[in-house]
Amino acid sequence: MNILQIIPGSGGSFYCGNCLRDDKFYLAMKKQGHQVTKLPMYLPLFSDEHDLNEIPVFYGAISIYLKQLYPIFQKAPAWVDKLLNSKPMLKLAASMAGSTSAKGLEEMTISMLMGEEGKQKEELHRMVSWMAEHLQPDVLHLSNALLLGLAPKFREVFPNSVIVCSLQDEDVWVDAMNNSFRNKIWKLMSEKAQAVDGFIAVSDFYAKVSLEKMDIPENKVFINHLGVEPNDYQVKAFEEKARNIGYISRMCEANGFDIMIDAFILLKQEKEFEDVQLILTGGSTGDDKGILKETEKKLKNAKLWNDVEFHEDFDGSGRHDFFSKVQMISVPVRNGEAFGLYLLESMASGVPVVQPKLGAFPEIVDKSKGGIIYEHNSKEELCNALKSLLRDQNQLKQLSLDCRSGVENEFNIVNQTQNLLNIYNQLKGN
């Protein structure tokens, strides 16, 4: 099968769960002998630019931003776009990225969803022309519903291709916007969804959210949980680990970074936890400078700065090093989320998770048996949950065994990839 994945990139500036999700399915499908191509949008997918060999980045972040703000750039010659989308420029944009916040990007989001009627229509034509020249995909897979503006043109140019779209955390982006834009964006997404053959939600929880938010037929929505290859993760013997707590995600308010910091400060007020350290990884964007500065101030005031480690390398082997340092992780995302690939990566490394009763977290923990869920997402309740496990090392050791086997049995990328391929085949009528 010839499969094309269209994926917005982060440039490697922070832990991007969607980029990693798509990359893991890409590798698994390649291993099964399918022809799979990744088409990055906005920024390269990863910081080492290994996804930028033969394939250009479409809708380059700098270019589309300038075209949205300044109409003159919509008529700029091709060499200007080429310069703006060059590796050095995109690398610079990735290092300065603060555009993961929806606020202020409402008009850009609408323009992108308008497709051929939007201000980036030349980019759409460039992308489709390149695809028509180099690929004849059986399946076109959009990474999220914010890319649905591409779908009608894809349907026109590739009438025999199956078009599918993943559903994961679009509400986090759209519902953060101004009320006057929010409803228009959901309506646009619903309209463009008519060109799509099937939607793939990453959890039962998020399938329900999507059906509530978007006007799409229920029979078009499939569920396929995420997966990892367990053998890609090393499990360090529990007895060899210090009593450390980990956090792995973008260091921002939405992900509950400040809740984690405040819970740790509470925890350290008790003498029995004086050996416990907090290991933080996941990176940040330009928008996160304020919370990082406030974090440093809080920790220094509490005389805990030396009890916290900022683990800078969260890619590849650096991520494995992080998991080898911690007995458990928690990412107390304020409103929950559709999945959280970091949970599977943690559990595959034998590291249990401690998550609030929000979003898909209870669903994941219930299936994997790889952690605990606490009721209310406050610093006090998180602190108490962490204390209970730190005090009961026997329970924590058992959870570390359970979480690894839970991933092997319930969230193995081989099984999840086969489920995905079955959905493709069903939609193709095979």
Protein backbone atom coordinates (compact mmCIF):
# COMPACT_ATOMS: atom_id res chain seq x y z
CA MET A 1 0.00 0.00 0.00
CA ASN A 2 1.23 3.51 -0.84
CA ILE A 3 0.55 5.76 2.18
CA LEU A 4 1.19 9.49 2.53
CA GLN A 5 1.28 11.05 6.01
CA ILE A 6 0.89 14.82 6.22
CA ILE A 7 2.35 15.96 9.54
CA PRO A 8 2.83 19.42 11.13
CA GLY A 9 6.35 19.60 12.56
CA SER A 10 7.62 21.14 15.77
CA GLY A 11 11.22 21.54 14.65
CA GLY A 12 12.25 19.56 17.72
CA SER A 13 11.87 22.53 20.07
CA PHE A 14 9.62 20.55 22.45
CA TYR A 15 8.29 17.04 23.01
CA CYS A 16 5.71 16.76 20.22
CA GLY A 17 3.47 13.76 20.89
CA ASN A 18 1.70 14.01 17.52
CA CYS A 19 5.01 14.05 15.61
CA LEU A 20 6.21 11.00 17.53
CA ARG A 21 2.86 9.24 17.13
CA ASP A 22 2.94 9.59 13.35
CA ASP A 23 6.62 8.69 13.15
CA LYS A 24 6.08 5.45 15.09
CA PHE A 25 3.25 4.38 12.77
CA TYR A 26 5.42 5.39 9.79
CA LEU A 27 8.29 3.16 10.92
CA ALA A 28 5.99 0.25 11.75
CA MET A 29 4.24 0.39 8.36
CA LYS A 30 7.59 0.62 6.58
CA LYS A 31 8.74 -2.46 8.48
CA GLN A 32 5.68 -4.31 7.18
CA GLY A 33 6.71 -3.52 3.62
CA HIS A 34 4.38 -0.64 2.79
CA GLN A 35 5.52 2.43 0.88
CA VAL A 36 5.09 5.30 3.33
CA THR A 37 6.06 8.94 2.88
CA LYS A 38 6.06 11.72 5.47
CA LEU A 39 5.25 15.21 4.24
CA PRO A 40 6.18 17.80 6.91
CA MET A 41 4.31 21.09 7.21
CA TYR A 42 5.32 24.37 8.89
CA LEU A 43 8.59 23.11 10.42
CA PRO A 44 10.77 20.00 10.24
CA LEU A 45 9.45 17.19 12.41
CA PHE A 46 12.62 16.76 14.47
CA SER A 47 15.60 18.84 15.47
CA ASP A 48 18.16 16.70 13.64
CA GLU A 49 16.31 17.35 10.36
CA HIS A 50 16.45 13.66 9.35
CA ASP A 51 13.02 14.19 7.78
CA LEU A 52 14.36 16.88 5.42
CA ASN A 53 16.33 14.83 2.92
CA GLU A 54 14.42 14.60 -0.37
CA ILE A 55 11.08 16.03 0.74
CA PRO A 56 10.47 19.78 1.14
CA VAL A 57 8.64 21.32 4.09
CA PHE A 58 5.32 22.65 2.81
CA TYR A 59 3.52 25.69 4.23
CA GLY A 60 6.81 26.84 5.75
CA ALA A 61 6.10 28.60 9.05
CA ILE A 62 7.76 31.88 8.11
CA SER A 63 6.28 32.02 4.62
CA ILE A 64 2.64 31.39 5.59
CA TYR A 65 2.86 33.81 8.53
CA LEU A 66 4.11 36.62 6.29
CA LYS A 67 1.49 35.86 3.62
CA GLN A 68 -1.23 36.03 6.24
CA LEU A 69 -0.09 39.41 7.59
CA TYR A 70 1.24 41.09 4.46
CA PRO A 71 -0.62 40.52 1.14
CA ILE A 72 2.47 41.53 -0.85
CA PHE A 73 4.10 38.21 0.10
CA GLN A 74 1.23 36.33 -1.58
CA LYS A 75 2.64 37.52 -4.91
CA ALA A 76 6.31 37.12 -4.05
CA PRO A 77 8.49 35.31 -6.62
CA ALA A 78 9.35 31.64 -6.10
CA TRP A 79 12.89 32.39 -4.94
CA VAL A 80 11.52 34.28 -1.90
CA ASP A 81 9.50 31.23 -0.80
CA LYS A 82 12.52 29.03 -1.40
CA LEU A 83 14.65 31.24 0.84
CA LEU A 84 12.03 31.41 3.60
CA ASN A 85 11.57 27.62 3.50
CA SER A 86 15.28 26.84 3.49
CA LYS A 87 16.79 24.67 6.22
CA PRO A 88 18.63 27.51 8.02
CA MET A 89 15.52 29.71 8.12
CA LEU A 90 13.24 26.93 9.35
CA LYS A 91 15.80 25.92 11.94
CA LEU A 92 15.86 29.51 13.19
CA ALA A 93 12.05 29.59 13.27
CA ALA A 94 11.97 26.35 15.28
CA SER A 95 14.39 27.74 17.86
CA MET A 96 12.19 30.83 18.32
CA ALA A 97 8.85 29.02 18.07
CA GLY A 98 6.07 30.37 20.19
CA SER A 99 3.29 29.66 17.75
CA THR A 100 1.92 26.60 19.56
CA SER A 101 -0.48 29.00 21.29
CA ALA A 102 -3.80 29.44 19.51
CA LYS A 103 -4.34 32.99 20.74
CA GLY A 104 -3.59 35.47 17.99
CA LEU A 105 -3.66 32.80 15.28
CA GLU A 106 -7.43 32.65 14.79
CA GLU A 107 -7.38 34.28 11.35
CA MET A 108 -4.49 32.10 10.24
CA THR A 109 -6.38 28.97 11.34
CA ILE A 110 -9.48 30.06 9.42
CA SER A 111 -7.41 30.86 6.34
CA MET A 112 -5.78 27.42 6.44
CA LEU A 113 -9.17 25.72 6.80
CA MET A 114 -10.50 27.67 3.82
CA GLY A 115 -8.01 25.85 1.59
CA GLU A 116 -8.19 27.21 -1.96
CA GLU A 117 -10.12 30.25 -0.73
CA GLY A 118 -7.48 31.02 1.91
CA LYS A 119 -4.44 33.26 1.74
CA GLN A 120 -2.11 30.26 1.47
CA LYS A 121 -3.71 28.82 -1.69
CA GLU A 122 -0.42 28.98 -3.62
CA GLU A 123 1.17 26.72 -1.01
CA LEU A 124 -1.70 24.27 -1.43
CA HIS A 125 -1.16 24.22 -5.19
CA ARG A 126 2.58 23.73 -4.72
CA MET A 127 2.00 20.83 -2.33
CA VAL A 128 -0.54 19.10 -4.59
CA SER A 129 1.66 19.56 -7.67
CA TRP A 130 4.61 17.98 -5.88
CA MET A 131 2.43 15.08 -4.68
CA ALA A 132 1.02 14.49 -8.17
CA GLU A 133 4.52 14.44 -9.67
CA HIS A 134 6.20 12.24 -7.08
CA LEU A 135 3.42 10.14 -5.51
CA GLN A 136 0.19 8.41 -6.34
CA PRO A 137 -0.96 7.53 -2.82
CA ASP A 138 -3.56 4.90 -2.04
CA VAL A 139 -4.09 6.59 1.34
CA LEU A 140 -3.73 10.26 2.30
CA HIS A 141 -3.54 10.58 6.09
CA LEU A 142 -3.92 14.01 7.70
CA SER A 143 -2.36 14.27 11.14
CA ASN A 144 -5.21 16.31 12.67
CA ALA A 145 -8.49 18.01 11.84
CA LEU A 146 -6.91 21.47 11.65
CA LEU A 147 -5.53 20.33 8.28
CA LEU A 148 -8.99 19.60 6.84
CA GLY A 149 -8.73 22.62 4.54
CA LEU A 150 -6.44 20.48 2.37
CA ALA A 151 -8.98 17.68 1.97
CA PRO A 152 -11.28 19.06 -0.80
CA LYS A 153 -8.30 19.73 -3.10
CA PHE A 154 -6.90 16.28 -2.34
CA ARG A 155 -10.27 14.76 -3.23
CA GLU A 156 -10.28 16.66 -6.54
CA VAL A 157 -6.72 15.75 -7.57
CA PHE A 158 -6.62 12.20 -6.13
CA PRO A 159 -10.21 10.94 -6.60
CA ASN A 160 -9.24 7.28 -6.13
CA SER A 161 -7.28 7.81 -2.90
CA VAL A 162 -8.71 7.15 0.55
CA ILE A 163 -8.50 10.29 2.72
CA VAL A 164 -8.35 9.80 6.48
CA CYS A 165 -7.76 12.21 9.34
CA SER A 166 -6.53 11.56 12.88
CA LEU A 167 -8.41 13.19 15.74
CA GLN A 168 -6.31 14.25 18.73
CA ASP A 169 -6.65 17.36 20.90
CA GLU A 170 -8.05 19.76 18.29
CA ASP A 171 -10.33 21.09 21.03
CA VAL A 172 -7.29 22.22 23.04
CA TRP A 173 -6.36 24.53 20.16
CA VAL A 174 -9.78 25.69 18.99
CA ASP A 175 -11.48 26.20 22.35
CA ALA A 176 -8.64 28.45 23.52
CA MET A 177 -9.63 30.97 20.85
CA ASN A 178 -11.88 33.98 21.04
CA ASN A 179 -15.59 33.05 21.06
CA SER A 180 -16.27 34.85 17.80
CA PHE A 181 -13.76 32.61 16.00
CA ARG A 182 -14.34 29.33 17.85
CA ASN A 183 -17.74 28.45 16.38
CA LYS A 184 -16.67 29.48 12.89
CA ILE A 185 -13.65 27.18 13.05
CA TRP A 186 -15.63 24.15 14.24
CA LYS A 187 -18.16 24.86 11.45
CA LEU A 188 -15.40 25.09 8.84
CA MET A 189 -13.85 21.85 10.05
CA SER A 190 -17.24 20.12 9.80
CA GLU A 191 -17.75 21.40 6.25
CA LYS A 192 -14.31 20.32 5.04
CA ALA A 193 -14.78 16.94 6.74
CA GLN A 194 -17.21 15.98 3.98
CA ALA A 195 -14.21 15.31 1.71
CA VAL A 196 -12.79 12.76 4.18
CA ASP A 197 -13.57 9.04 4.09
CA GLY A 198 -12.78 8.26 7.72
CA PHE A 199 -11.60 9.76 11.01
CA ILE A 200 -9.34 7.93 13.45
CA ALA A 201 -9.66 8.99 17.09
CA VAL A 202 -6.81 8.02 19.40
CA SER A 203 -9.10 7.08 22.32
CA ASP A 204 -12.70 6.27 23.18
CA PHE A 205 -12.77 9.48 25.19
CA TYR A 206 -11.72 11.67 22.28
CA ALA A 207 -14.03 10.00 19.78
CA LYS A 208 -16.94 11.22 21.95
CA VAL A 209 -15.45 14.72 22.19
CA SER A 210 -15.01 14.92 18.41
CA LEU A 211 -18.56 13.81 17.70
CA GLU A 212 -19.83 16.49 20.06
CA LYS A 213 -17.69 19.22 18.50
CA MET A 214 -17.90 18.35 14.81
CA ASP A 215 -20.83 17.53 12.55
CA ILE A 216 -19.48 14.22 11.21
CA PRO A 217 -21.30 10.88 10.86
CA GLU A 218 -20.61 8.48 13.70
CA ASN A 219 -20.00 5.64 11.22
CA LYS A 220 -17.04 7.58 9.81
CA VAL A 221 -15.23 7.60 13.18
CA PHE A 222 -12.89 4.74 14.08
CA ILE A 223 -10.80 4.27 17.24
CA ASN A 224 -7.17 3.25 17.17
CA HIS A 225 -5.07 3.71 20.30
CA LEU A 226 -1.46 4.72 20.00
CA GLY A 227 1.37 2.25 20.37
CA VAL A 228 5.10 1.90 20.89
CA GLU A 229 7.61 -0.84 20.15
CA PRO A 230 8.40 -2.22 23.64
CA ASN A 231 11.79 -3.49 22.52
CA ASP A 232 12.84 0.09 21.76
CA TYR A 233 12.80 0.86 25.50
CA GLN A 234 15.20 -0.40 28.14
CA VAL A 235 13.96 -1.21 31.63
CA LYS A 236 16.38 -0.36 34.41
CA ALA A 237 16.09 -2.61 37.48
CA PHE A 238 13.79 -0.98 40.01
CA GLU A 239 16.26 -1.62 42.85
CA GLU A 240 18.92 0.43 41.07
CA LYS A 241 16.81 3.59 40.96
CA ALA A 242 16.72 6.48 43.38
CA ARG A 243 13.33 7.77 44.57
CA ASN A 244 13.01 10.36 41.82
CA ILE A 245 9.90 11.79 40.14
CA GLY A 246 9.82 12.71 36.46
CA TYR A 247 7.93 15.11 34.20
CA ILE A 248 8.14 14.70 30.41
CA SER A 249 6.24 17.09 28.19
CA ARG A 250 6.39 20.67 27.00
CA MET A 251 7.01 22.84 30.07
CA CYS A 252 3.92 25.02 29.95
CA GLU A 253 0.88 25.96 32.00
CA ALA A 254 -1.55 23.92 29.87
CA ASN A 255 0.42 20.76 30.66
CA GLY A 256 0.32 21.49 34.37
CA PHE A 257 4.03 22.22 34.67
CA ASP A 258 3.39 24.64 37.53
CA ILE A 259 1.15 22.08 39.29
CA MET A 260 4.05 19.61 39.16
CA ILE A 261 6.47 22.17 40.59
CA ASP A 262 4.07 23.20 43.37
CA ALA A 263 3.33 19.56 44.29
CA PHE A 264 7.05 18.85 44.54
CA ILE A 265 7.59 21.87 46.81
CA LEU A 266 4.80 20.56 49.07
CA LEU A 267 6.29 17.07 49.06
CA LYS A 268 9.72 18.31 50.09
CA GLN A 269 8.33 19.96 53.21
CA GLU A 270 8.38 16.52 54.84
CA LYS A 271 11.72 15.18 56.00
CA GLU A 272 11.05 11.60 54.85
CA PHE A 273 11.30 12.80 51.24
CA GLU A 274 14.56 14.74 51.53
CA ASP A 275 16.27 12.27 49.15
CA VAL A 276 13.65 12.68 46.40
CA GLN A 277 14.55 14.71 43.32
CA LEU A 278 12.46 16.01 40.44
CA ILE A 279 13.73 15.39 36.90
CA LEU A 280 12.18 17.62 34.22
CA THR A 281 12.35 17.16 30.46
CA GLY A 282 10.33 17.96 27.35
CA GLY A 283 11.56 21.34 26.16
CA SER A 284 9.70 24.62 25.70
CA THR A 285 8.79 27.32 23.20
CA GLY A 286 9.18 31.08 23.29
CA ASP A 287 5.77 31.32 24.96
CA ASP A 288 7.05 29.39 27.98
CA LYS A 289 9.80 31.75 29.13
CA GLY A 290 7.56 33.32 31.77
CA ILE A 291 6.60 30.07 33.50
CA LEU A 292 10.21 28.86 33.44
CA LYS A 293 11.40 32.09 35.05
CA GLU A 294 8.67 31.83 37.71
CA THR A 295 9.64 28.20 38.34
CA GLU A 296 13.24 29.12 38.99
CA LYS A 297 12.11 31.80 41.44
CA LYS A 298 9.78 29.40 43.31
CA LEU A 299 12.41 26.66 43.62
CA LYS A 300 15.13 29.03 44.79
CA ASN A 301 12.82 30.61 47.36
CA ALA A 302 12.01 27.11 48.64
CA LYS A 303 15.75 26.26 48.63
CA LEU A 304 15.04 23.34 46.27
CA TRP A 305 16.86 24.50 43.14
CA ASN A 306 19.55 21.86 43.65
CA ASP A 307 16.91 19.13 44.06
CA VAL A 308 15.63 19.64 40.51
CA GLU A 309 17.35 18.55 37.31
CA PHE A 310 16.46 19.95 33.91
CA HIS A 311 17.23 17.04 31.59
CA GLU A 312 17.90 18.87 28.32
CA ASP A 313 18.01 15.98 25.84
CA PHE A 314 14.52 14.55 25.33
CA ASP A 315 15.13 13.05 21.89
CA GLY A 316 16.14 9.44 21.21
CA SER A 317 18.74 8.16 23.66
CA GLY A 318 18.27 11.23 25.85
CA ARG A 319 14.68 10.18 26.51
CA HIS A 320 15.84 6.70 27.57
CA ASP A 321 18.39 8.27 29.94
CA PHE A 322 15.58 10.30 31.49
CA PHE A 323 13.42 7.22 32.17
CA SER A 324 16.38 5.43 33.75
CA LYS A 325 16.57 8.19 36.39
CA VAL A 326 12.98 8.14 37.67
CA GLN A 327 10.70 5.76 39.57
CA MET A 328 7.49 7.37 38.28
CA ILE A 329 6.30 10.24 36.10
CA SER A 330 3.41 12.66 36.17
CA VAL A 331 2.23 15.19 33.59
CA PRO A 332 -0.81 16.85 35.25
CA VAL A 333 -2.32 18.32 32.08
CA ARG A 334 -4.88 20.86 33.25
CA ASN A 335 -7.81 19.69 31.15
CA GLY A 336 -6.61 16.20 30.35
CA GLU A 337 -5.91 15.19 26.77
CA ALA A 338 -6.89 12.77 24.04
CA PHE A 339 -4.03 10.38 24.81
CA GLY A 340 -0.43 11.24 25.77
CA LEU A 341 2.24 9.16 24.02
CA TYR A 342 4.69 9.92 26.84
CA LEU A 343 2.58 7.63 29.06
CA LEU A 344 3.31 4.66 26.82
CA GLU A 345 6.98 5.58 26.53
CA SER A 346 7.21 5.79 30.30
CA MET A 347 5.40 2.51 30.94
CA ALA A 348 7.42 0.70 28.25
CA SER A 349 10.50 1.81 30.24
CA GLY A 350 9.06 0.25 33.41
CA VAL A 351 8.11 3.64 34.85
CA PRO A 352 4.53 3.90 36.24
CA VAL A 353 2.43 7.01 35.66
CA VAL A 354 0.51 9.21 38.12
CA GLN A 355 -2.25 11.10 36.30
CA PRO A 356 -5.36 13.15 37.11
CA LYS A 357 -8.83 11.76 36.40
CA LEU A 358 -9.18 13.74 33.18
CA GLY A 359 -9.37 13.10 29.46
CA ALA A 360 -8.19 9.70 28.29
CA PHE A 361 -5.87 9.15 31.27
CA PRO A 362 -8.24 6.81 33.14
CA GLU A 363 -8.82 4.84 29.91
CA ILE A 364 -5.07 4.34 29.37
CA VAL A 365 -4.27 3.44 32.97
CA ASP A 366 -7.23 1.04 33.14
CA LYS A 367 -6.08 -0.83 30.02
CA SER A 368 -2.40 -0.93 30.98
CA LYS A 369 -2.66 -1.28 34.80
CA GLY A 370 0.48 0.82 34.69
CA GLY A 371 -0.12 3.56 37.21
CA ILE A 372 -2.60 5.35 39.42
CA ILE A 373 -5.29 7.97 38.85
CA TYR A 374 -6.03 10.73 41.37
CA GLU A 375 -9.35 12.54 41.57
CA HIS A 376 -8.78 16.30 41.37
CA ASN A 377 -5.97 17.97 39.47
CA SER A 378 -4.56 20.09 42.28
CA LYS A 379 -1.07 20.35 43.72
CA GLU A 380 -2.34 18.87 47.00
CA GLU A 381 -3.89 15.77 45.43
CA LEU A 382 -0.92 15.19 43.15
CA CYS A 383 1.42 15.54 46.13
CA ASN A 384 -0.60 12.99 48.10
CA ALA A 385 -0.60 10.53 45.17
CA LEU A 386 3.17 10.84 44.81
CA LYS A 387 3.66 10.36 48.55
CA SER A 388 1.57 7.19 48.59
CA LEU A 389 3.78 5.53 45.97
CA LEU A 390 7.07 6.80 47.35
CA ARG A 391 6.14 5.32 50.73
CA ASP A 392 5.08 1.96 49.29
CA GLN A 393 8.08 0.75 47.33
CA ASN A 394 6.59 -2.74 46.99
CA GLN A 395 3.51 -1.36 45.23
CA LEU A 396 5.68 0.85 43.06
CA LYS A 397 7.88 -2.12 42.07
CA GLN A 398 4.80 -4.15 41.12
CA LEU A 399 3.43 -1.26 39.07
CA SER A 400 6.75 -1.01 37.23
CA LEU A 401 6.35 -4.65 36.18
CA ASP A 402 2.67 -4.25 35.33
CA CYS A 403 3.15 -1.15 33.21
CA ARG A 404 5.72 -2.82 30.98
CA SER A 405 3.52 -5.88 30.39
CA GLY A 406 0.50 -3.59 29.91
CA VAL A 407 2.22 -1.85 27.01
CA GLU A 408 3.36 -5.15 25.52
CA ASN A 409 -0.19 -6.54 25.61
CA GLU A 410 -2.40 -3.50 25.05
CA PHE A 411 -0.37 -0.80 23.30
CA ASN A 412 2.11 -2.65 21.10
CA ILE A 413 2.76 -0.66 17.91
CA VAL A 414 2.63 -3.85 15.82
CA ASN A 415 -0.97 -4.51 16.85
CA GLN A 416 -2.03 -0.87 16.62
CA THR A 417 -0.48 -0.56 13.16
CA GLN A 418 -2.38 -3.62 11.99
CA ASN A 419 -5.58 -2.04 13.31
CA LEU A 420 -4.75 1.12 11.34
CA LEU A 421 -4.10 -0.84 8.14
CA ASN A 422 -7.37 -2.70 8.63
CA ILE A 423 -9.18 0.66 8.76
CA TYR A 424 -7.44 1.75 5.55
CA ASN A 425 -8.46 -1.47 3.82
CA GLN A 426 -12.03 -1.21 5.07
CA LEU A 427 -12.31 2.30 3.66
CA LYS A 428 -10.75 1.16 0.37
CA GLY A 429 -13.38 -1.55 0.17
CA ASN A 430 -10.84 -4.40 0.36
